Protein backbone atom coordinates (compact mmCIF):
# COMPACT_ATOMS: atom_id res chain seq x y z
CA MET A 1 -19.61 -3.55 1.19
CA LYS A 2 -21.78 -3.11 4.68
CA LEU A 3 -22.54 -6.75 5.00
CA LEU A 4 -19.09 -7.35 4.82
CA THR A 5 -18.00 -4.78 7.19
CA GLU A 6 -20.25 -6.16 9.49
CA THR A 7 -18.88 -9.56 9.15
CA LEU A 8 -15.17 -8.58 9.99
CA ALA A 9 -16.89 -6.97 12.90
CA ASN A 10 -18.24 -9.99 13.65
CA LEU A 11 -15.10 -11.66 13.63
CA SER A 12 -13.04 -9.31 15.18
CA LYS A 13 -14.84 -6.18 16.65
CA ALA A 14 -13.28 -3.92 13.73
CA THR A 15 -13.59 -0.07 14.46
CA GLY A 16 -11.30 2.41 13.59
CA PRO A 17 -10.63 5.46 11.20
CA LEU A 18 -10.84 3.06 8.45
CA LYS A 19 -13.65 0.86 9.32
CA GLY A 20 -15.85 1.20 6.16
CA VAL A 21 -12.79 0.74 3.50
CA THR A 22 -12.26 -2.36 1.97
CA VAL A 23 -8.83 -3.50 0.89
CA LEU A 24 -7.77 -6.06 -1.73
CA ASP A 25 -4.47 -7.40 -0.80
CA LEU A 26 -3.01 -9.50 -3.65
CA THR A 27 0.27 -8.91 -1.99
CA ARG A 28 3.22 -11.63 -0.75
CA VAL A 29 6.17 -11.56 1.40
CA VAL A 30 6.91 -8.06 3.65
CA ALA A 31 6.33 -5.01 1.93
CA GLY A 32 3.00 -5.39 0.61
CA PRO A 33 1.65 -7.63 3.44
CA TYR A 34 2.85 -4.73 5.97
CA CYS A 35 1.30 -1.79 3.93
CA ALA A 36 -2.00 -3.89 3.93
CA MET A 37 -1.66 -4.82 7.71
CA LEU A 38 -1.02 -0.90 8.74
CA LEU A 39 -4.51 0.04 6.77
CA ALA A 40 -5.90 -3.28 8.66
CA ASP A 41 -4.80 -2.07 11.86
CA MET A 42 -6.53 1.00 11.88
CA GLY A 43 -9.93 -0.39 10.98
CA ALA A 44 -9.95 -1.07 7.12
CA THR A 45 -11.75 -4.61 6.30
CA VAL A 46 -8.50 -6.25 3.97
CA ILE A 47 -9.08 -9.18 2.30
CA LYS A 48 -5.73 -11.02 1.51
CA ILE A 49 -6.26 -12.94 -1.92
CA GLU A 50 -4.01 -15.77 -2.38
CA ASN A 51 -3.49 -18.69 -5.16
CA PRO A 52 -5.30 -21.74 -3.51
CA GLY A 53 -2.27 -24.01 -4.89
CA ASP A 54 0.41 -21.46 -4.39
CA PRO A 55 -0.30 -19.37 -1.60
CA ASP A 56 1.92 -16.69 0.35
CA LEU A 57 5.27 -18.13 0.71
CA THR A 58 6.05 -16.91 4.09
CA ARG A 59 3.18 -19.09 5.65
CA GLU A 60 6.18 -21.05 5.56
CA PHE A 61 9.07 -18.77 6.92
CA PRO A 62 10.42 -19.31 10.49
CA PRO A 63 9.66 -19.05 13.63
CA MET A 64 7.33 -21.86 13.26
CA SER A 65 5.07 -22.49 16.53
CA ARG A 66 6.35 -24.50 19.12
CA THR A 67 2.71 -25.59 20.36
CA SER A 68 0.79 -26.14 17.20
CA SER A 69 1.34 -29.66 15.68
CA GLU A 70 0.86 -27.89 12.34
CA PRO A 71 3.86 -25.96 10.77
CA LEU A 72 2.35 -22.40 11.62
CA SER A 73 4.45 -19.11 11.04
CA GLY A 74 4.95 -16.29 13.36
CA PHE A 75 6.49 -14.42 10.30
CA PHE A 76 3.41 -14.93 8.49
CA ALA A 77 1.07 -13.87 11.82
CA GLN A 78 3.10 -10.85 12.32
CA PHE A 79 2.42 -9.01 8.79
CA ASN A 80 -0.90 -10.78 8.34
CA ARG A 81 -2.93 -9.97 11.31
CA ASN A 82 -6.51 -8.38 11.32
CA LYS A 83 -6.89 -9.71 7.79
CA MET A 84 -9.46 -12.16 6.12
CA ALA A 85 -8.16 -14.14 3.25
CA VAL A 86 -9.77 -16.01 0.35
CA GLY A 87 -8.39 -18.40 -2.32
CA LEU A 88 -8.80 -17.45 -6.12
CA ASP A 89 -6.69 -18.03 -9.16
CA LEU A 90 -6.20 -15.16 -11.15
CA LYS A 91 -4.87 -16.79 -14.33
CA GLN A 92 -8.33 -18.80 -14.86
CA ALA A 93 -11.11 -16.91 -16.62
CA ASP A 94 -13.93 -17.59 -14.06
CA GLY A 95 -10.74 -16.35 -11.22
CA LYS A 96 -10.37 -12.91 -13.24
CA ALA A 97 -14.15 -12.40 -13.67
CA THR A 98 -14.59 -12.76 -9.73
CA PHE A 99 -11.72 -10.32 -8.76
CA LEU A 100 -13.26 -8.02 -11.27
CA ALA A 101 -16.76 -8.43 -9.48
CA MET A 102 -14.66 -7.61 -6.20
CA VAL A 103 -13.23 -4.79 -7.48
CA ARG A 104 -16.46 -3.00 -8.52
CA LYS A 105 -17.42 -3.11 -4.56
CA ALA A 106 -13.86 -2.49 -3.16
CA ASP A 107 -11.94 0.76 -2.66
CA ILE A 108 -8.39 0.03 -2.48
CA VAL A 109 -6.29 -2.69 -4.73
CA ILE A 110 -2.64 -3.19 -3.48
CA GLU A 111 -0.59 -5.63 -5.32
CA ASN A 112 3.67 -6.24 -5.16
CA PHE A 113 4.19 -8.12 -8.28
CA ARG A 114 6.57 -7.19 -10.76
CA PRO A 115 5.48 -4.19 -13.04
CA GLY A 116 3.21 -5.85 -16.05
CA THR A 117 2.42 -8.22 -14.42
CA MET A 118 -1.08 -7.68 -13.74
CA ASP A 119 -1.34 -5.97 -16.89
CA LYS A 120 -0.66 -9.48 -18.49
CA LEU A 121 -3.27 -10.86 -16.31
CA GLY A 122 -5.62 -8.32 -17.99
CA LEU A 123 -6.27 -6.78 -14.70
CA GLY A 124 -3.93 -3.62 -14.63
CA TYR A 125 -4.90 -0.23 -13.53
CA LYS A 126 -6.39 0.86 -16.57
CA VAL A 127 -8.48 -1.92 -16.72
CA LEU A 128 -9.71 -1.59 -13.11
CA LYS A 129 -10.26 2.05 -12.80
CA GLU A 130 -12.84 1.84 -16.05
CA ILE A 131 -15.00 -0.94 -13.68
CA ASN A 132 -14.62 1.45 -10.63
CA PRO A 133 -13.19 4.88 -10.95
CA ALA A 134 -12.90 5.54 -7.39
CA LEU A 135 -10.29 2.82 -7.20
CA VAL A 136 -7.02 3.09 -5.23
CA PHE A 137 -4.57 0.98 -6.65
CA THR A 138 -1.20 0.65 -5.07
CA ALA A 139 1.76 -0.87 -6.91
CA ILE A 140 4.94 -1.82 -4.87
CA SER A 141 7.99 -2.64 -6.92
CA GLY A 142 11.57 -2.83 -6.80
CA PHE A 143 12.25 -0.24 -9.28
CA GLY A 144 9.07 1.68 -10.17
CA GLN A 145 6.09 1.03 -12.54
CA HIS A 146 8.19 3.13 -15.29
CA GLY A 147 11.90 3.53 -15.86
CA PRO A 148 14.95 1.54 -17.74
CA ASN A 149 15.20 -0.39 -14.77
CA SER A 150 11.41 -1.14 -13.70
CA LEU A 151 11.28 -4.56 -15.05
CA ARG A 152 14.10 -5.63 -12.91
CA PRO A 153 13.08 -7.96 -10.12
CA ALA A 154 14.74 -7.08 -6.90
CA PHE A 155 14.59 -7.83 -3.17
CA ASP A 156 15.38 -6.12 0.00
CA SER A 157 19.24 -6.04 -0.87
CA SER A 158 18.32 -4.95 -4.26
CA ALA A 159 16.69 -1.64 -2.79
CA GLN A 160 19.48 -1.06 -0.29
CA ALA A 161 22.44 -1.74 -2.92
CA SER A 162 20.99 0.36 -5.82
CA GLY A 163 20.01 3.15 -3.33
CA GLY A 164 22.90 4.11 -1.93
CA LEU A 165 22.48 2.66 1.69
CA TRP A 166 24.67 0.10 1.48
CA SER A 167 27.93 1.97 0.24
CA MET A 168 26.89 4.38 3.26
CA ASN A 169 26.45 1.83 6.03
CA GLY A 170 29.21 -0.37 7.99
CA THR A 171 33.23 0.79 8.08
CA VAL A 172 34.80 2.12 5.03
CA GLU A 173 36.49 -1.50 5.09
CA GLU A 174 33.53 -3.16 4.55
CA PRO A 175 30.15 -1.66 3.54
CA MET A 176 27.01 -3.69 4.88
CA ARG A 177 23.50 -3.80 3.97
CA VAL A 178 21.03 -2.87 7.04
CA GLY A 179 20.40 -5.35 9.12
CA THR A 180 16.43 -5.64 8.54
CA VAL A 181 14.94 -5.83 5.53
CA LEU A 182 14.26 -1.86 5.49
CA GLY A 183 13.98 -1.56 1.54
CA ASP A 184 10.34 -3.59 1.90
CA LEU A 185 9.43 -2.01 5.20
CA SER A 186 10.34 1.92 4.33
CA ALA A 187 8.33 0.85 0.51
CA ALA A 188 5.56 -0.24 2.64
CA LEU A 189 5.05 2.65 5.28
CA TYR A 190 5.25 5.02 2.13
CA ALA A 191 2.63 2.85 0.04
CA ALA A 192 0.50 3.16 3.40
CA ILE A 193 1.10 7.14 3.37
CA GLY A 194 0.35 7.49 -0.45
CA THR A 195 -2.76 5.06 -0.30
CA LEU A 196 -4.24 6.88 2.58
CA GLY A 197 -3.69 10.52 0.51
CA ALA A 198 -5.09 8.62 -2.77
CA LEU A 199 -8.29 7.69 -0.70
CA ARG A 200 -8.77 10.75 0.65
CA GLU A 201 -8.91 12.61 -2.89
CA ALA A 202 -11.11 9.62 -4.23
CA GLU A 203 -13.47 10.19 -1.55
CA ARG A 204 -13.56 13.87 -2.28
CA THR A 205 -13.76 13.65 -6.07
CA GLY A 206 -14.92 10.08 -6.84
CA LEU A 207 -11.70 9.22 -8.63
CA GLY A 208 -8.95 6.99 -7.68
CA GLN A 209 -5.75 7.00 -8.82
CA LEU A 210 -2.36 4.78 -9.26
CA VAL A 211 0.08 4.54 -6.26
CA ASP A 212 3.35 3.50 -7.83
CA VAL A 213 6.30 2.90 -4.94
CA SER A 214 9.72 1.81 -5.69
CA GLN A 215 11.78 0.11 -3.20
CA GLN A 216 14.99 1.96 -4.42
CA ASP A 217 13.03 5.20 -4.24
CA SER A 218 12.07 4.67 -0.51
CA ILE A 219 15.98 3.75 0.10
CA VAL A 220 17.13 7.03 -1.70
CA SER A 221 14.86 9.15 0.59
CA LEU A 222 16.45 7.25 3.82
CA THR A 223 19.84 8.64 3.09
CA GLU A 224 19.88 11.62 5.23
CA ASN A 225 21.89 14.40 3.90
CA ALA A 226 23.88 11.74 1.38
CA LEU A 227 22.34 13.04 -1.88
CA VAL A 228 22.47 16.81 -1.20
CA THR A 229 26.06 16.21 0.37
CA TYR A 230 27.23 14.92 -3.12
CA THR A 231 24.92 17.54 -5.58
CA GLU A 232 26.09 20.56 -3.44
CA THR A 233 29.80 19.92 -2.52
CA GLY A 234 30.42 16.59 -4.90
CA LYS A 235 31.62 14.23 -1.63
CA VAL A 236 30.47 11.11 -1.81
CA VAL A 237 29.57 10.12 1.49
CA GLN A 238 31.60 6.85 3.22
CA PRO A 239 30.16 5.10 5.66
CA GLU A 240 30.86 6.14 9.46
CA GLY A 241 30.77 2.79 11.63
CA ASN A 242 29.46 4.00 14.69
CA GLY A 243 30.15 7.79 14.39
CA HIS A 244 28.37 10.45 12.98
CA PRO A 245 29.86 12.63 10.10
CA PHE A 246 29.84 16.15 11.83
CA VAL A 247 28.85 15.87 15.80
CA ARG A 248 31.03 14.37 18.53
CA PRO A 249 30.83 12.39 20.95
CA TYR A 250 28.07 10.79 19.08
CA GLY A 251 28.39 6.80 19.27
CA ARG A 252 29.06 3.67 20.57
CA TYR A 253 30.91 3.03 24.05
CA ALA A 254 31.83 -0.14 25.72
CA CYS A 255 30.33 -0.81 29.38
CA LYS A 256 30.73 -2.97 31.92
CA ASP A 257 28.24 -5.34 30.22
CA GLY A 258 27.99 -4.36 26.85
CA PHE A 259 27.54 -1.42 24.79
CA VAL A 260 25.90 2.03 25.11
CA PHE A 261 24.77 4.81 22.41
CA PHE A 262 26.36 8.35 23.98
CA GLY A 263 25.18 11.56 22.27
CA ALA A 264 25.67 14.10 24.62
CA TYR A 265 27.36 16.36 21.62
CA THR A 266 25.67 19.63 22.02
CA ASP A 267 26.85 22.43 24.76
CA LYS A 268 24.18 21.98 26.74
CA PHE A 269 23.90 18.13 27.16
CA TRP A 270 27.86 17.88 27.53
CA ARG A 271 27.31 20.08 30.50
CA GLU A 272 24.71 17.66 31.76
CA ALA A 273 26.96 14.76 30.87
CA CYS A 274 29.83 16.47 33.21
CA ARG A 275 27.96 17.29 36.19
CA THR A 276 26.31 13.59 36.01
CA PHE A 277 29.57 11.94 36.34
CA GLY A 278 31.30 14.15 38.58
CA ASP A 279 33.76 15.70 36.10
CA GLU A 280 32.38 18.99 35.79
CA ALA A 281 35.74 20.78 35.15
CA LEU A 282 35.74 19.20 31.75
CA ALA A 283 32.76 21.51 31.00
CA SER A 284 34.60 24.56 31.02
CA ASP A 285 37.92 23.29 29.95
CA PRO A 286 38.54 25.89 26.95
CA GLU A 287 39.75 23.08 25.20
CA ILE A 288 36.63 20.92 24.65
CA ASP A 289 34.01 23.84 25.94
CA THR A 290 31.92 24.55 22.69
CA MET A 291 30.62 21.88 20.18
CA ALA A 292 33.02 22.82 17.30
CA LYS A 293 36.32 22.62 19.63
CA ARG A 294 34.71 18.87 20.47
CA PHE A 295 34.00 17.74 17.21
CA ASP A 296 37.81 18.31 16.28
CA ALA A 297 39.04 14.75 14.93
CA ASP A 298 42.45 15.38 17.26
CA THR A 299 40.95 17.00 19.75
CA TYR A 300 38.27 14.52 20.57
CA ARG A 301 40.45 11.63 20.24
CA ARG A 302 42.97 13.07 22.97
CA LYS A 303 40.04 14.30 25.11
CA VAL A 304 36.51 13.76 24.82
CA LYS A 305 36.86 10.08 23.84
CA PRO A 306 38.48 9.09 26.53
CA ALA A 307 36.39 10.72 29.28
CA VAL A 308 33.15 9.09 27.92
CA GLU A 309 34.82 5.75 27.61
CA ARG A 310 35.62 6.18 31.28
CA TRP A 311 32.39 7.16 32.62
CA CYS A 312 31.07 4.16 30.54
CA ALA A 313 33.39 1.72 31.30
CA ALA A 314 32.74 1.56 34.87
CA ARG A 315 29.38 0.97 34.55
CA THR A 316 26.83 -1.13 33.43
CA LYS A 317 24.19 -0.48 30.71
CA ALA A 318 21.40 -0.10 33.28
CA GLU A 319 23.52 1.94 35.78
CA LEU A 320 24.01 4.15 33.26
CA GLU A 321 20.38 4.54 31.96
CA ALA A 322 19.00 5.13 35.72
CA MET A 323 22.10 7.60 36.70
CA THR A 324 21.64 9.53 33.15
CA GLY A 325 17.64 9.43 33.30
CA ASP A 326 16.46 12.81 30.95
CA ARG A 327 19.59 14.63 31.40
CA PHE A 328 20.86 13.89 28.13
CA PRO A 329 20.87 11.10 24.94
CA LEU A 330 21.96 7.74 26.34
CA SER A 331 20.56 4.32 25.43
CA PRO A 332 21.71 0.88 25.81
CA ILE A 333 22.30 -1.19 22.94
CA LYS A 334 19.54 -3.55 23.65
CA SER A 335 19.99 -7.25 22.32
CA MET A 336 16.06 -8.46 21.20
CA ASP A 337 15.59 -10.24 24.27
CA GLU A 338 16.18 -6.84 26.02
CA VAL A 339 13.80 -5.05 23.86
CA VAL A 340 11.02 -7.45 24.56
CA ALA A 341 11.34 -7.20 28.17
CA ASP A 342 11.30 -3.22 27.99
CA PRO A 343 8.70 -2.09 30.56
CA HIS A 344 8.50 1.15 28.51
CA LEU A 345 7.86 -0.78 24.96
CA ARG A 346 5.31 -3.33 26.95
CA GLU A 347 2.97 -0.03 28.23
CA ARG A 348 3.20 1.31 24.70
CA ASP A 349 1.84 -1.84 23.25
CA MET A 350 4.61 -2.69 21.18
CA VAL A 351 4.45 -6.15 22.15
CA VAL A 352 1.30 -7.63 21.25
CA THR A 353 0.05 -11.32 20.66
CA VAL A 354 -1.84 -12.68 17.85
CA ASP A 355 -3.51 -15.74 17.20
CA TYR A 356 -3.27 -18.07 14.26
CA GLN A 357 -4.92 -20.91 13.84
CA GLY A 358 -4.71 -21.85 17.45
CA ALA A 359 -1.02 -20.69 17.71
CA ARG A 360 -0.07 -17.80 19.77
CA PHE A 361 2.92 -15.30 18.76
CA ASP A 362 4.27 -12.46 20.46
CA VAL A 363 5.00 -9.61 17.63
CA PHE A 364 5.57 -6.33 17.11
CA GLY A 365 2.75 -3.72 18.08
CA ASN A 366 1.69 -0.84 15.69
CA PRO A 367 3.66 2.26 16.36
CA VAL A 368 1.07 4.63 15.21
CA LYS A 369 -0.61 5.20 18.06
CA LEU A 370 -4.27 7.02 17.97
CA SER A 371 -6.16 8.28 20.66
CA GLY A 372 -9.13 6.24 19.56
CA GLY A 373 -7.25 2.91 19.26
CA THR A 374 -5.58 0.77 16.71
CA LEU A 375 -6.61 -3.31 16.46
CA GLU A 376 -3.53 -4.91 16.72
CA LYS A 377 -3.96 -6.02 20.48
CA GLY A 378 -5.64 -9.31 20.35
CA ALA A 379 -5.75 -9.33 16.54
CA SER A 380 -5.65 -12.87 14.52
CA ALA A 381 -4.07 -14.06 11.25
CA PRO A 382 -6.01 -16.27 8.92
CA GLY A 383 -5.73 -19.43 7.72
CA VAL A 384 -5.17 -20.16 3.55
CA GLY A 385 -8.96 -19.28 2.11
CA GLN A 386 -10.24 -19.15 5.81
CA HIS A 387 -13.13 -16.39 4.94
CA ASN A 388 -14.18 -17.87 1.25
CA LEU A 389 -17.72 -18.16 2.59
CA GLN A 390 -18.04 -14.94 4.03
CA VAL A 391 -16.63 -12.90 1.39
CA TYR A 392 -17.63 -14.93 -1.72
CA ARG A 393 -21.32 -15.92 -0.53
CA GLN A 394 -22.21 -13.41 1.93
CA TRP A 395 -20.35 -10.33 0.55
CA LEU A 396 -20.10 -10.81 -3.34
CA GLY A 397 -23.47 -12.49 -3.54
CA LEU A 398 -22.77 -15.97 -4.99
CA ASP A 399 -25.32 -18.47 -5.08
CA GLN A 400 -24.35 -21.80 -3.23
CA ALA A 401 -24.10 -23.65 -6.77
CA GLN A 402 -21.79 -20.78 -8.17
CA TYR A 403 -19.61 -20.93 -4.99
CA ASP A 404 -19.56 -24.88 -5.29
CA ASP A 405 -18.75 -24.85 -8.77
CA LEU A 406 -15.70 -22.21 -8.32
CA ARG A 407 -14.58 -24.52 -4.80
CA LEU A 408 -14.68 -28.03 -7.14
CA ARG A 409 -12.79 -26.29 -9.67
CA GLY A 410 -10.02 -25.02 -7.67
CA VAL A 411 -10.48 -21.49 -8.90
CA ILE A 412 -11.28 -20.27 -5.19
């Protein structure tokens, strides 16, 4: 493991709290690759393993590079930065044997196949833990590794639908999925947390474990108070649109050049808003001087909503953001061009440049900010099988003849 760590360090100057941890990343698309990327950003040596004849399909996902003559994907670069990549056909006997040899030297395996796939390959957790008892095996799937629905195929929308989020989002007339792959992204985050917890236990006891993360489970955990509201009161939460179920004013309001979120619903924030907009009398108006009164639907429609709409309609997003400052919650509803230009996000390195085979993409950074730093700045994403030589010859210890034989037969 030391030689591989040094090899990666020479390629990317790897440091970080997970330096020395080796991850075998068998995953594709978003949930698994994002989980492994988070570990790589913190210094883990992540080896992305792809079938040489059928690599991660996101290598063909848009947007493609504007400047490269080759079709290089910014989508792939974003979720696979800071990784090494090797080719390996797990369906061939020598591919299985090579993978098992890698597992003996690894700390973590991450996969996001449908449950049972790894077992069919003869590479399930029960097999792998026999050859490496300290191995952390993280499995991400639509519905989990057990349960009556575990074998069902799933995408992000499957989780949003079956986990309840779709029914809560949008409006009563038209429930909508959340406009990003939240089932994938949340599963990736929970998988990273579970993987690190299991790794800590393995380091302490020498025993790894299976980390089972379901997209559906992940979505259920993001439904805030909807589940306990139902179990306690029998009420099924309905979509609130841009509003909130129990506080007002809190939502979307139109301004001169778009919309803002206005959230001054507490008594303190409401008084600040009234002062900021020159309506001090509203702060002491006996009809709306408490949070409970302002939440009353009729009172809100008659007195609160018109005041907030008047304040916002007369100003631009930038004017509203500047005048409210840190007095109370108000945020422009930004389009992605405005997000990318946001100087606050720029200062926090939430837009970083990743190199992918000579193409350069600006992608999102890592929201985990460690005082010792993370590795997303100046990162690169690997080509198919780019690190075959370093991994198989230098780390795994294959001799040249073995390496050439596997390569010629398409195993690697």
